[in-house]
């Protein structure tokens, strides 16, 4: 288990799982992905966009806490994210770090929990919006600028077990401060 799993506090009296002030929810993957699958296709895109935006907004707090714990070391932040994702059951994450400030950040995820309900019937769209939202929060922390994130391959839509994402800053990124 990683550092996040070691920090999680299970408070049975209050019915909470906490990482400091951040409350987590443990849920079966098939329940969550099943809800996505049950939403009619015309509404699914809006629901997935809302999930991505919510994770980006609220996940930014977690990313900022990780960055502060790492004393602002952005490379260490990227290196810590796969273990945190695994601790939360979000699959196996592998980053291709940006070669230079402002370059794209590529993420490959094996075994995304968000595709589980689509194993027998392909999705009509990419469904790993929560991962896209977390990558948005990470990109904003790295570049201190708005980012654009795309899921370029989704196992639920495209088959296989791997999902791929790209994050890019929307604005030119200044060099990191010393």
Protein backbone atom coordinates (compact mmCIF):
# COMPACT_ATOMS: atom_id res chain seq x y z
CA UNK A 1 0.00 0.00 0.00
CA UNK A 2 1.06 3.56 -0.63
CA UNK A 3 1.27 6.67 1.49
CA UNK A 4 -2.38 7.59 0.93
CA UNK A 5 -3.63 4.22 2.17
CA UNK A 6 -1.42 4.61 5.24
CA UNK A 7 -2.93 8.04 5.97
CA UNK A 8 -6.58 7.06 5.59
CA UNK A 9 -8.42 7.10 8.88
CA UNK A 10 -11.47 4.86 9.16
CA UNK A 11 -13.80 6.37 11.75
CA UNK A 12 -16.55 3.81 12.28
CA UNK A 13 -18.24 5.95 14.92
CA UNK A 14 -18.84 8.76 12.43
CA UNK A 15 -19.04 6.49 9.39
CA UNK A 16 -16.16 8.28 7.63
CA UNK A 17 -12.95 7.55 5.79
CA UNK A 18 -10.64 10.58 5.98
CA UNK A 19 -7.30 11.80 4.70
CA UNK A 20 -6.86 14.78 6.99
CA UNK A 21 -9.90 17.00 6.33
CA UNK A 22 -10.73 15.25 3.02
CA UNK A 23 -13.51 12.66 3.23
CA UNK A 24 -13.43 9.67 0.89
CA UNK A 25 -16.20 7.31 -0.15
CA UNK A 26 -15.62 3.62 -0.71
CA UNK A 27 -17.99 2.19 -3.29
CA UNK A 28 -18.11 -0.89 -5.48
CA UNK A 29 -16.83 -0.12 -8.97
CA UNK A 30 -19.73 -1.90 -10.64
CA UNK A 31 -22.21 0.29 -8.76
CA UNK A 32 -20.52 3.50 -9.91
CA UNK A 33 -19.88 2.42 -13.51
CA UNK A 34 -23.32 0.81 -13.59
CA UNK A 35 -24.91 4.18 -12.83
CA UNK A 36 -23.02 5.64 -15.80
CA UNK A 37 -24.27 2.79 -18.00
CA UNK A 38 -27.88 3.27 -16.86
CA UNK A 39 -28.02 6.93 -17.86
CA UNK A 40 -29.50 7.41 -21.33
CA UNK A 41 -26.88 8.26 -23.94
CA UNK A 42 -28.13 11.82 -24.56
CA UNK A 43 -27.73 12.63 -20.85
CA UNK A 44 -24.57 10.59 -20.26
CA UNK A 45 -22.24 13.20 -21.77
CA UNK A 46 -23.55 15.89 -19.41
CA UNK A 47 -23.26 13.55 -16.42
CA UNK A 48 -19.68 12.59 -17.34
CA UNK A 49 -18.75 16.26 -17.84
CA UNK A 50 -20.18 17.05 -14.40
CA UNK A 51 -18.13 14.23 -12.83
CA UNK A 52 -14.95 15.47 -14.53
CA UNK A 53 -15.55 19.06 -13.42
CA UNK A 54 -16.39 18.02 -9.86
CA UNK A 55 -13.30 15.84 -9.54
CA UNK A 56 -11.15 18.63 -11.02
CA UNK A 57 -12.61 21.15 -8.59
CA UNK A 58 -12.53 19.04 -5.43
CA UNK A 59 -9.55 16.88 -6.41
CA UNK A 60 -7.49 20.06 -6.66
CA UNK A 61 -7.56 20.17 -2.84
CA UNK A 62 -6.03 16.69 -2.65
CA UNK A 63 -3.43 17.49 -5.30
CA UNK A 64 -2.49 20.71 -3.50
CA UNK A 65 -2.15 18.81 -0.20
CA UNK A 66 0.10 16.22 -1.88
CA UNK A 67 2.19 19.00 -3.46
CA UNK A 68 2.59 20.79 -0.12
CA UNK A 69 3.60 17.53 1.57
CA UNK A 70 6.24 17.16 -1.14
CA UNK A 71 7.52 20.73 -0.53
CA UNK A 72 6.41 21.90 -3.98
CA UNK A 73 8.36 19.23 -5.88
CA UNK A 74 6.28 18.79 -9.05
CA UNK A 75 8.29 15.78 -10.28
CA UNK A 76 7.70 14.04 -6.95
CA UNK A 77 3.99 14.87 -7.26
CA UNK A 78 3.78 13.12 -10.63
CA UNK A 79 5.72 10.19 -9.17
CA UNK A 80 3.34 9.93 -6.17
CA UNK A 81 0.08 9.94 -8.11
CA UNK A 82 0.17 6.30 -9.34
CA UNK A 83 0.39 4.97 -5.77
CA UNK A 84 -2.43 7.25 -4.60
CA UNK A 85 -4.61 6.15 -7.53
CA UNK A 86 -3.92 2.49 -6.75
CA UNK A 87 -4.68 3.08 -3.05
CA UNK A 88 -8.12 4.37 -4.05
CA UNK A 89 -8.79 1.57 -6.54
CA UNK A 90 -8.51 3.84 -9.61
CA UNK A 91 -6.41 1.36 -11.60
CA UNK A 92 -2.72 1.25 -12.47
CA UNK A 93 -1.46 4.66 -13.60
CA UNK A 94 1.69 5.30 -15.65
CA UNK A 95 2.77 8.80 -16.61
CA UNK A 96 4.90 9.97 -19.47
CA UNK A 97 6.14 13.20 -17.87
CA UNK A 98 6.42 16.36 -19.95
CA UNK A 99 9.84 16.68 -21.58
CA UNK A 100 9.85 20.42 -20.91
CA UNK A 101 7.60 22.92 -19.11
CA UNK A 102 4.40 23.34 -21.08
CA UNK A 103 4.62 19.99 -22.91
CA UNK A 104 1.78 17.50 -22.71
CA UNK A 105 1.46 15.09 -19.81
CA UNK A 106 0.37 11.63 -20.96
CA UNK A 107 -1.30 9.11 -18.65
CA UNK A 108 -2.01 5.44 -19.31
CA UNK A 109 -4.43 3.67 -16.97
CA UNK A 110 -4.83 -0.09 -16.86
CA UNK A 111 -7.86 -1.57 -15.13
CA UNK A 112 -9.90 1.63 -14.74
CA UNK A 113 -12.82 0.96 -12.38
CA UNK A 114 -15.06 3.25 -14.41
CA UNK A 115 -15.28 0.84 -17.36
CA UNK A 116 -16.49 -2.22 -15.46
CA UNK A 117 -20.17 -1.98 -16.45
CA UNK A 118 -19.21 -1.89 -20.14
CA UNK A 119 -17.39 -5.22 -20.28
CA UNK A 120 -20.23 -6.90 -22.21
CA UNK A 121 -21.57 -3.92 -24.16
CA UNK A 122 -19.28 -1.15 -25.41
CA UNK A 123 -19.92 2.43 -24.36
CA UNK A 124 -20.75 5.04 -26.98
CA UNK A 125 -18.27 7.48 -25.44
CA UNK A 126 -15.24 7.56 -23.15
CA UNK A 127 -16.41 7.03 -19.55
CA UNK A 128 -13.37 7.66 -17.33
CA UNK A 129 -14.38 11.24 -16.57
CA UNK A 130 -13.26 11.07 -12.91
CA UNK A 131 -9.71 10.24 -14.06
CA UNK A 132 -9.84 13.08 -16.59
CA UNK A 133 -10.94 15.37 -13.76
CA UNK A 134 -8.06 14.31 -11.52
CA UNK A 135 -5.63 14.78 -14.41
CA UNK A 136 -7.07 18.27 -14.85
CA UNK A 137 -6.40 19.05 -11.17
CA UNK A 138 -2.87 17.64 -11.49
CA UNK A 139 -2.15 19.60 -14.67
CA UNK A 140 -3.34 22.83 -13.11
CA UNK A 141 -1.05 22.25 -10.12
CA UNK A 142 1.90 21.48 -12.39
CA UNK A 143 1.48 24.34 -14.83
CA UNK A 144 -0.38 26.90 -12.70
CA UNK A 145 -2.59 27.42 -15.76
CA UNK A 146 -5.87 26.08 -17.12
CA UNK A 147 -5.49 22.72 -18.86
CA UNK A 148 -7.25 20.72 -21.51
CA UNK A 149 -7.60 16.99 -20.89
CA UNK A 150 -8.74 14.39 -23.42
CA UNK A 151 -9.32 10.68 -22.99
CA UNK A 152 -7.82 9.50 -26.27
CA UNK A 153 -8.54 5.81 -25.72
CA UNK A 154 -11.16 4.31 -23.39
CA UNK A 155 -11.39 0.58 -22.72
CA UNK A 156 -15.18 0.90 -22.32
CA UNK A 157 -15.54 2.40 -25.80
CA UNK A 158 -12.51 1.04 -27.65
CA UNK A 159 -12.03 -2.38 -26.02
CA UNK A 160 -9.05 -3.80 -24.20
CA UNK A 161 -8.06 -2.92 -20.65
CA UNK A 162 -6.17 0.35 -21.17
CA UNK A 163 -7.33 3.95 -21.17
CA UNK A 164 -5.10 6.83 -22.32
CA UNK A 165 -5.27 10.52 -21.48
CA UNK A 166 -3.45 13.67 -22.50
CA UNK A 167 -3.25 16.92 -20.57
CA UNK A 168 -1.97 20.14 -22.11
CA UNK A 169 -1.84 23.66 -20.74
CA UNK A 170 -4.26 26.02 -22.49
CA UNK A 171 -1.86 28.96 -22.17
CA UNK A 172 1.88 29.25 -22.66
CA UNK A 173 3.54 28.12 -19.44
CA UNK A 174 6.34 30.19 -17.95
CA UNK A 175 9.44 28.32 -16.77
CA UNK A 176 9.17 27.02 -13.19
CA UNK A 177 10.38 29.41 -10.53
CA UNK A 178 13.56 28.37 -8.68
